[in-house]
Structures are given as structure tokens and as C-alpha cells.
C-alpha atoms as a PDB file:
ATOM      1  CA  MET A   1       0.000   0.000  -0.001  1.00  0.00           C
ATOM      2  CA  LYS A   2       2.827   2.417   0.895  1.00  0.00           C
ATOM      3  CA  ASN A   3       4.448   1.777  -2.493  1.00  0.00           C
ATOM      4  CA  LYS A   4       1.192   2.671  -4.252  1.00  0.00           C
ATOM      5  CA  ILE A   5       0.958   5.952  -2.325  1.00  0.00           C
ATOM      6  CA  LEU A   6       4.557   6.840  -3.130  1.00  0.00           C
ATOM      7  CA  ALA A   7       4.054   5.996  -6.785  1.00  0.00           C
ATOM      8  CA  PHE A   8       1.035   8.298  -6.864  1.00  0.00           C
ATOM      9  CA  ALA A   9       3.097  11.084  -5.288  1.00  0.00           C
ATOM     10  CA  VAL A  10       5.883  10.694  -7.830  1.00  0.00           C
ATOM     11  CA  ARG A  11       3.517  10.904 -10.777  1.00  0.00           C
ATOM     12  CA  SER A  12       1.912  13.958  -9.232  1.00  0.00           C
ATOM     13  CA  LEU A  13       5.111  15.988  -9.036  1.00  0.00           C
ATOM     14  CA  VAL A  14       6.708  14.831 -12.283  1.00  0.00           C
ATOM     15  CA  PHE A  15       3.684  15.790 -14.325  1.00  0.00           C
ATOM     16  CA  GLY A  16       3.569  19.037 -12.368  1.00  0.00           C
ATOM     17  CA  VAL A  17       6.979  19.900 -13.834  1.00  0.00           C
ATOM     18  CA  SER A  18       5.363  20.160 -17.270  1.00  0.00           C
ATOM     19  CA  VAL A  19       3.592  23.330 -16.252  1.00  0.00           C
ATOM     20  CA  PHE A  20       1.400  23.765 -19.299  1.00  0.00           C
ATOM     21  CA  ALA A  21       0.688  20.089 -19.959  1.00  0.00           C
ATOM     22  CA  VAL A  22      -2.606  18.483 -19.038  1.00  0.00           C
ATOM     23  CA  ALA A  23      -2.162  16.779 -15.666  1.00  0.00           C
ATOM     24  CA  GLN A  24      -2.232  12.988 -15.593  1.00  0.00           C
ATOM     25  CA  THR A  25      -2.757  12.409 -11.876  1.00  0.00           C
ATOM     26  CA  GLN A  26      -5.930  12.267  -9.844  1.00  0.00           C
ATOM     27  CA  ALA A  27      -6.249  15.678  -8.289  1.00  0.00           C
ATOM     28  CA  ALA A  28      -9.107  17.753  -7.009  1.00  0.00           C
ATOM     29  CA  PRO A  29      -9.861  20.748  -9.236  1.00  0.00           C
ATOM     30  CA  ILE A  30     -10.039  24.077  -7.448  1.00  0.00           C
ATOM     31  CA  PRO A  31     -12.934  26.322  -8.483  1.00  0.00           C
ATOM     32  CA  ALA A  32     -11.179  29.600  -7.713  1.00  0.00           C
ATOM     33  CA  THR A  33      -9.470  31.419 -10.574  1.00  0.00           C
ATOM     34  CA  SER A  34      -8.158  34.940 -10.884  1.00  0.00           C
ATOM     35  CA  THR A  35     -11.632  36.049 -11.926  1.00  0.00           C
ATOM     36  CA  SER A  36     -13.228  34.837  -8.676  1.00  0.00           C
ATOM     37  CA  LYS A  37     -13.801  36.612  -5.378  1.00  0.00           C
ATOM     38  CA  LEU A  38     -10.877  34.693  -3.928  1.00  0.00           C
ATOM     39  CA  VAL A  39      -8.453  36.804  -5.947  1.00  0.00           C
ATOM     40  CA  SER A  40      -7.428  40.416  -5.413  1.00  0.00           C
ATOM     41  CA  PRO A  41      -5.749  41.703  -8.603  1.00  0.00           C
ATOM     42  CA  GLN A  42      -4.502  44.821  -6.832  1.00  0.00           C
ATOM     43  CA  LEU A  43      -2.384  42.813  -4.411  1.00  0.00           C
ATOM     44  CA  GLY A  44      -1.772  39.805  -6.630  1.00  0.00           C
ATOM     45  CA  LEU A  45      -3.522  37.856  -3.873  1.00  0.00           C
ATOM     46  CA  TYR A  46      -4.868  34.337  -4.301  1.00  0.00           C
ATOM     47  CA  ARG A  47      -6.861  32.692  -1.512  1.00  0.00           C
ATOM     48  CA  SER A  48      -7.605  29.002  -1.848  1.00  0.00           C
ATOM     49  CA  PRO A  49     -10.730  27.366  -0.397  1.00  0.00           C
ATOM     50  CA  MET A  50      -8.241  24.829   0.984  1.00  0.00           C
ATOM     51  CA  GLY A  51      -6.957  27.466   3.384  1.00  0.00           C
ATOM     52  CA  PHE A  52      -3.680  28.630   1.858  1.00  0.00           C
ATOM     53  CA  GLN A  53      -2.891  31.949   0.267  1.00  0.00           C
ATOM     54  CA  VAL A  54      -0.121  33.582  -1.754  1.00  0.00           C
ATOM     55  CA  THR A  55       0.553  37.087  -3.090  1.00  0.00           C
ATOM     56  CA  ASN A  56       3.027  38.644  -5.504  1.00  0.00           C
ATOM     57  CA  GLY A  57       5.028  39.861  -2.497  1.00  0.00           C
ATOM     58  CA  GLY A  58       5.775  43.241  -4.058  1.00  0.00           C
ATOM     59  CA  SER A  59       7.840  41.458  -6.701  1.00  0.00           C
ATOM     60  CA  GLY A  60       6.286  43.257  -9.636  1.00  0.00           C
ATOM     61  CA  TRP A  61       5.231  39.923 -11.128  1.00  0.00           C
ATOM     62  CA  VAL A  62       1.806  39.957 -12.768  1.00  0.00           C
ATOM     63  CA  HIS A  63      -1.039  37.814 -11.420  1.00  0.00           C
ATOM     64  CA  ALA A  64      -2.517  35.913 -14.364  1.00  0.00           C
ATOM     65  CA  GLU A  65      -5.151  33.358 -15.305  1.00  0.00           C
ATOM     66  CA  PRO A  66      -3.996  29.738 -14.959  1.00  0.00           C
ATOM     67  CA  PRO A  67      -3.341  27.966 -18.290  1.00  0.00           C
ATOM     68  CA  LYS A  68      -6.428  26.589 -19.997  1.00  0.00           C
ATOM     69  CA  GLY A  69      -6.739  22.840 -20.149  1.00  0.00           C
ATOM     70  CA  ASN A  70      -5.013  22.236 -16.821  1.00  0.00           C
ATOM     71  CA  LYS A  71      -7.497  22.252 -13.959  1.00  0.00           C
ATOM     72  CA  TYR A  72      -4.860  21.395 -11.353  1.00  0.00           C
ATOM     73  CA  ILE A  73      -2.936  24.658 -11.676  1.00  0.00           C
ATOM     74  CA  VAL A  74      -5.047  27.054  -9.639  1.00  0.00           C
ATOM     75  CA  THR A  75      -3.227  30.329 -10.243  1.00  0.00           C
ATOM     76  CA  MET A  76      -0.017  31.704 -11.697  1.00  0.00           C
ATOM     77  CA  TYR A  77       2.268  34.736 -11.901  1.00  0.00           C
ATOM     78  CA  LYS A  78       4.313  36.039 -14.822  1.00  0.00           C
ATOM     79  CA  ALA A  79       7.546  38.001 -14.691  1.00  0.00           C
ATOM     80  CA  PRO A  80       7.204  41.589 -15.948  1.00  0.00           C
ATOM     81  CA  THR A  81       8.613  42.321 -19.404  1.00  0.00           C
ATOM     82  CA  THR A  82      11.151  45.089 -19.737  1.00  0.00           C
ATOM     83  CA  ALA A  83      10.017  48.085 -21.755  1.00  0.00           C
ATOM     84  CA  GLN A  84      11.948  48.620 -24.959  1.00  0.00           C
ATOM     85  CA  PRO A  85      14.682  51.317 -24.636  1.00  0.00           C
ATOM     86  CA  GLY A  86      13.411  54.732 -25.710  1.00  0.00           C
ATOM     87  CA  SER A  87       9.750  53.782 -25.551  1.00  0.00           C
ATOM     88  CA  VAL A  88       7.149  55.764 -23.599  1.00  0.00           C
ATOM     89  CA  ALA A  89       6.969  52.943 -21.060  1.00  0.00           C
ATOM     90  CA  ASP A  90      10.748  53.048 -20.655  1.00  0.00           C
ATOM     91  CA  GLN A  91      10.665  56.820 -20.096  1.00  0.00           C
ATOM     92  CA  MET A  92       7.931  56.388 -17.468  1.00  0.00           C
ATOM     93  CA  ARG A  93      10.050  53.783 -15.687  1.00  0.00           C
ATOM     94  CA  ASN A  94      13.028  56.147 -15.667  1.00  0.00           C
ATOM     95  CA  ASP A  95      10.869  58.975 -14.271  1.00  0.00           C
ATOM     96  CA  LEU A  96       9.516  56.724 -11.514  1.00  0.00           C
ATOM     97  CA  SER A  97      12.998  55.474 -10.721  1.00  0.00           C
ATOM     98  CA  ALA A  98      14.195  59.042 -10.256  1.00  0.00           C
ATOM     99  CA  LYS A  99      11.377  59.537  -7.732  1.00  0.00           C
ATOM    100  CA  GLY A 100      12.249  56.389  -5.838  1.00  0.00           C
ATOM    101  CA  SER A 101       9.110  54.489  -6.866  1.00  0.00           C
ATOM    102  CA  VAL A 102       8.895  50.932  -5.535  1.00  0.00           C
ATOM    103  CA  VAL A 103       7.314  49.958  -8.862  1.00  0.00           C
ATOM    104  CA  ALA A 104      10.304  51.138 -10.826  1.00  0.00           C
ATOM    105  CA  SER A 105      12.663  49.450  -8.389  1.00  0.00           C
ATOM    106  CA  ALA A 106      11.402  46.007  -9.404  1.00  0.00           C
ATOM    107  CA  PRO A 107      14.133  44.076 -11.261  1.00  0.00           C
ATOM    108  CA  LYS A 108      14.095  44.574 -15.006  1.00  0.00           C
ATOM    109  CA  MET A 109      13.357  41.499 -17.105  1.00  0.00           C
ATOM    110  CA  LYS A 110      14.428  40.724 -20.617  1.00  0.00           C
ATOM    111  CA  ALA A 111      11.787  41.386 -23.238  1.00  0.00           C
ATOM    112  CA  GLY A 112       9.686  38.312 -23.869  1.00  0.00           C
ATOM    113  CA  SER A 113      10.870  36.542 -20.738  1.00  0.00           C
ATOM    114  CA  PRO A 114       8.913  33.302 -20.287  1.00  0.00           C
ATOM    115  CA  ALA A 115       9.486  33.207 -16.524  1.00  0.00           C
ATOM    116  CA  THR A 116       6.404  32.000 -14.643  1.00  0.00           C
ATOM    117  CA  LEU A 117       5.418  30.774 -11.218  1.00  0.00           C
ATOM    118  CA  THR A 118       2.508  28.333 -11.082  1.00  0.00           C
ATOM    119  CA  VAL A 119       0.611  27.082  -8.050  1.00  0.00           C
ATOM    120  CA  ARG A 120      -0.615  23.522  -8.378  1.00  0.00           C
ATOM    121  CA  VAL A 121      -2.764  21.512  -5.973  1.00  0.00           C
ATOM    122  CA  ASP A 122      -2.729  17.714  -5.872  1.00  0.00           C
ATOM    123  CA  GLU A 123      -4.893  15.566  -3.660  1.00  0.00           C
ATOM    124  CA  LEU A 124      -3.308  12.382  -2.300  1.00  0.00           C
ATOM    125  CA  PRO A 125      -5.152   9.165  -1.406  1.00  0.00           C
ATOM    126  CA  LYS A 126      -3.464   8.956   2.023  1.00  0.00           C
ATOM    127  CA  ASP A 127      -1.116  10.877   4.284  1.00  0.00           C
ATOM    128  CA  ILE A 128       2.570  10.568   3.447  1.00  0.00           C
ATOM    129  CA  ALA A 129       5.654  12.099   5.070  1.00  0.00           C
ATOM    130  CA  ILE A 130       7.060  14.932   2.991  1.00  0.00           C
ATOM    131  CA  ASP A 131      10.555  13.406   3.102  1.00  0.00           C
ATOM    132  CA  LYS A 132       9.359  10.172   1.466  1.00  0.00           C
ATOM    133  CA  TYR A 133       7.293  12.167  -1.012  1.00  0.00           C
ATOM    134  CA  ILE A 134      10.401  14.074  -2.136  1.00  0.00           C
ATOM    135  CA  GLN A 135      12.766  11.084  -2.142  1.00  0.00           C
ATOM    136  CA  LYS A 136      10.702   9.231  -4.707  1.00  0.00           C
ATOM    137  CA  TRP A 137      10.429  12.292  -6.947  1.00  0.00           C
ATOM    138  CA  MET A 138      14.185  12.729  -6.988  1.00  0.00           C
ATOM    139  CA  LYS A 139      14.618   9.212  -8.374  1.00  0.00           C
ATOM    140  CA  GLU A 140      12.092   9.808 -11.128  1.00  0.00           C
ATOM    141  CA  TYR A 141      13.129  13.234 -12.396  1.00  0.00           C
ATOM    142  CA  PRO A 142      15.981  11.932 -14.627  1.00  0.00           C
ATOM    143  CA  ARG A 143      13.454   9.870 -16.575  1.00  0.00           C
ATOM    144  CA  TYR A 144      11.912  13.134 -17.732  1.00  0.00           C
ATOM    145  CA  GLY A 145      15.199  14.807 -18.620  1.00  0.00           C
ATOM    146  CA  PHE A 146      15.653  16.756 -15.382  1.00  0.00           C
ATOM    147  CA  ASP A 147      18.790  16.735 -13.248  1.00  0.00           C
ATOM    148  CA  VAL A 148      18.422  17.579  -9.556  1.00  0.00           C
ATOM    149  CA  LEU A 149      20.834  20.391  -8.681  1.00  0.00           C
ATOM    150  CA  GLY A 150      19.925  20.413  -4.999  1.00  0.00           C
ATOM    151  CA  SER A 151      17.179  19.947  -2.449  1.00  0.00           C
ATOM    152  CA  LYS A 152      16.572  20.751   1.195  1.00  0.00           C
ATOM    153  CA  PRO A 153      13.770  20.945   3.769  1.00  0.00           C
ATOM    154  CA  PHE A 154      12.805  24.206   5.452  1.00  0.00           C
ATOM    155  CA  VAL A 155      10.127  25.713   7.691  1.00  0.00           C
ATOM    156  CA  GLN A 156       8.071  28.738   6.676  1.00  0.00           C
ATOM    157  CA  ASN A 157       5.334  30.203   8.860  1.00  0.00           C
ATOM    158  CA  ARG A 158       5.422  27.018  10.958  1.00  0.00           C
ATOM    159  CA  GLN A 159       4.737  24.953   7.838  1.00  0.00           C
ATOM    160  CA  ARG A 160       7.263  22.342   6.714  1.00  0.00           C
ATOM    161  CA  GLY A 161       8.284  22.543   3.091  1.00  0.00           C
ATOM    162  CA  TYR A 162      10.849  21.263   0.640  1.00  0.00           C
ATOM    163  CA  VAL A 163      12.701  23.112  -2.112  1.00  0.00           C
ATOM    164  CA  LEU A 164      14.189  21.452  -5.187  1.00  0.00           C
ATOM    165  CA  ASP A 165      16.273  22.960  -7.979  1.00  0.00           C
ATOM    166  CA  LEU A 166      16.088  21.219 -11.346  1.00  0.00           C
ATOM    167  CA  VAL A 167      17.551  21.703 -14.809  1.00  0.00           C
ATOM    168  CA  ASN A 168      16.810  20.242 -18.221  1.00  0.00           C
ATOM    169  CA  ARG A 169      19.847  21.134 -20.307  1.00  0.00           C
ATOM    170  CA  GLU A 170      18.483  19.579 -23.476  1.00  0.00           C
ATOM    171  CA  GLN A 171      15.441  21.868 -23.382  1.00  0.00           C
ATOM    172  CA  GLY A 172      17.320  24.796 -21.834  1.00  0.00           C
ATOM    173  CA  LYS A 173      14.919  24.989 -18.874  1.00  0.00           C
ATOM    174  CA  GLN A 174      15.564  25.520 -15.175  1.00  0.00           C
ATOM    175  CA  LEU A 175      13.046  25.124 -12.371  1.00  0.00           C
ATOM    176  CA  ARG A 176      12.697  25.672  -8.658  1.00  0.00           C
ATOM    177  CA  GLN A 177       9.891  23.729  -6.990  1.00  0.00           C
ATOM    178  CA  VAL A 178       8.672  24.427  -3.482  1.00  0.00           C
ATOM    179  CA  VAL A 179       6.418  21.782  -1.986  1.00  0.00           C
ATOM    180  CA  PHE A 180       4.092  21.871   1.014  1.00  0.00           C
ATOM    181  CA  LEU A 181       2.001  18.955   2.313  1.00  0.00           C
ATOM    182  CA  LYS A 182      -0.977  19.083   4.627  1.00  0.00           C
ATOM    183  CA  GLU A 183      -3.959  16.810   5.265  1.00  0.00           C
ATOM    184  CA  LYS A 184      -3.449  14.624   2.182  1.00  0.00           C
ATOM    185  CA  LYS A 185      -2.956  17.627  -0.073  1.00  0.00           C
ATOM    186  CA  ALA A 186       0.171  18.874  -1.795  1.00  0.00           C
ATOM    187  CA  VAL A 187       0.711  22.444  -2.963  1.00  0.00           C
ATOM    188  CA  ILE A 188       3.533  22.814  -5.479  1.00  0.00           C
ATOM    189  CA  LEU A 189       4.892  26.231  -6.438  1.00  0.00           C
ATOM    190  CA  THR A 190       6.998  25.970  -9.577  1.00  0.00           C
ATOM    191  CA  CYS A 191       9.285  28.732 -10.856  1.00  0.00           C
ATOM    192  CA  ARG A 192      10.150  28.089 -14.497  1.00  0.00           C
ATOM    193  CA  ASP A 193      12.448  29.958 -16.878  1.00  0.00           C
ATOM    194  CA  ARG A 194      15.199  29.612 -19.442  1.00  0.00           C
ATOM    195  CA  ILE A 195      18.546  28.613 -17.960  1.00  0.00           C
ATOM    196  CA  ALA A 196      20.134  31.834 -19.259  1.00  0.00           C
ATOM    197  CA  SER A 197      17.726  34.125 -17.359  1.00  0.00           C
ATOM    198  CA  PHE A 198      16.740  31.915 -14.418  1.00  0.00           C
ATOM    199  CA  GLN A 199      19.017  33.519 -11.818  1.00  0.00           C
ATOM    200  CA  GLU A 200      17.924  36.984 -12.934  1.00  0.00           C
ATOM    201  CA  ASN A 201      14.266  36.160 -12.295  1.00  0.00           C
ATOM    202  CA  LEU A 202      14.736  33.986  -9.215  1.00  0.00           C
ATOM    203  CA  LYS A 203      14.596  36.894  -6.753  1.00  0.00           C
ATOM    204  CA  GLY A 204      11.059  37.832  -7.771  1.00  0.00           C
ATOM    205  CA  CYS A 205      10.026  34.216  -7.693  1.00  0.00           C
ATOM    206  CA  ASN A 206      11.360  33.789  -4.161  1.00  0.00           C
ATOM    207  CA  GLN A 207       9.515  36.914  -3.037  1.00  0.00           C
ATOM    208  CA  ILE A 208       6.243  35.273  -4.062  1.00  0.00           C
ATOM    209  CA  VAL A 209       7.099  31.946  -2.433  1.00  0.00           C
ATOM    210  CA  ARG A 210       7.874  33.643   0.866  1.00  0.00           C
ATOM    211  CA  THR A 211       4.312  34.983   1.086  1.00  0.00           C
ATOM    212  CA  PHE A 212       2.801  31.481   1.078  1.00  0.00           C
ATOM    213  CA  THR A 213       0.847  30.676   4.224  1.00  0.00           C
ATOM    214  CA  TRP A 214      -1.321  27.666   5.045  1.00  0.00           C
END
């Protein structure tokens, strides 16, 4: 029975890595989207009926609709795109920067940056220790082209979590996944970007992750 639960957990996370793919695991869909009353666009706030919440943390990242066709990703954030040099938007940024605006102080992103942070919810058949949940994932990642760069447990707002850094060199992708488990439910926050710009966008991603409470 334990092996079945672990196998379910592994499938859940591995398919979660493919952020815009249709999920293959059994997971409970969450009715709240960024058009519902559970979302505050002004603050980039998402409140889940499962009791957790996350905001953009002042990162400047844009709260967006979750991708269509994937009912397990409940909300997402996109990195801001840098205004083209000399454009009106660029001039406005420079003016705000001169005035010390916190908006203008957000890190600049390369135009067309694909950096995203998705929040996925998976429902598990039974309770499982987070350490065992992670251990099985780490064995399976290479099958999907991902190398594990590092992983470690941590505590945030009295909630145990686990962070994993992954890279797929063939596809030029790098990810950071932060996982929380509670009452047979897993919440997976995935930061995803090109390898070349991942470190540049990681700060904003971490700002969002740090606002997670459950």
C-alpha cells in the first residue's frame, strides 16, 4: 500500500513539472481562478478554499489566469517584461525610478521573458511524510530529462516545506519547486524559466514563495 501511495506522489510531481501540460494524476480541481472573489488583482492575492494563500510579495510579477486545459494549476504569476529602450513605457520607468518608486525598483526582465510561477494543488489518497514524497520524486526526475541540482527541507510560517532545484539542459529549462504537504494535499509552487535568465528572475520568484501561508 505504501508503495502505491509513493508511486502516486511521484507521478503527481513529475507531471507538475510540465507546467502547461494536461495533468495525468488524480487531483481535485479548485474552483477559484483569478476572476473569482478569492483573488485580489490589486495585491496579486490568491486565496484558496483549501486554506492557503499567496501574493506577488511586491515582486512586480503579474497575477494571471492559470493555463487553460489544466485544472490542477489554480493560479499563476508572470515576470514583468522590460520596456523597450526609448519607448514611452521606458521613459515612465526612468521617471519613476528618479522619484524612488517601488514599482520602478522592481528588477528589469528581458523582453519576452517566459518566466512563470505556477501554483498547483494535488490531492493524495493517504497521508505521506514529505521526506518520502520528495525522495521518490528525486529518483524519477531523470526519466523526464531533469537533473536535480539540490534539495533541502525548510520551515516557513510554521509549515514544513521542501525546495528542489532542477535543470533540463536539453530543453534549456531551469526550475525551482517548493512543496508543502498538509492533510493529504500537496501544494507545489513551480518557478520556471530559461537557464540563461533563471538567476535573474529567481529573486522575484522567491519573493512570491515567501508569502505562502497555510
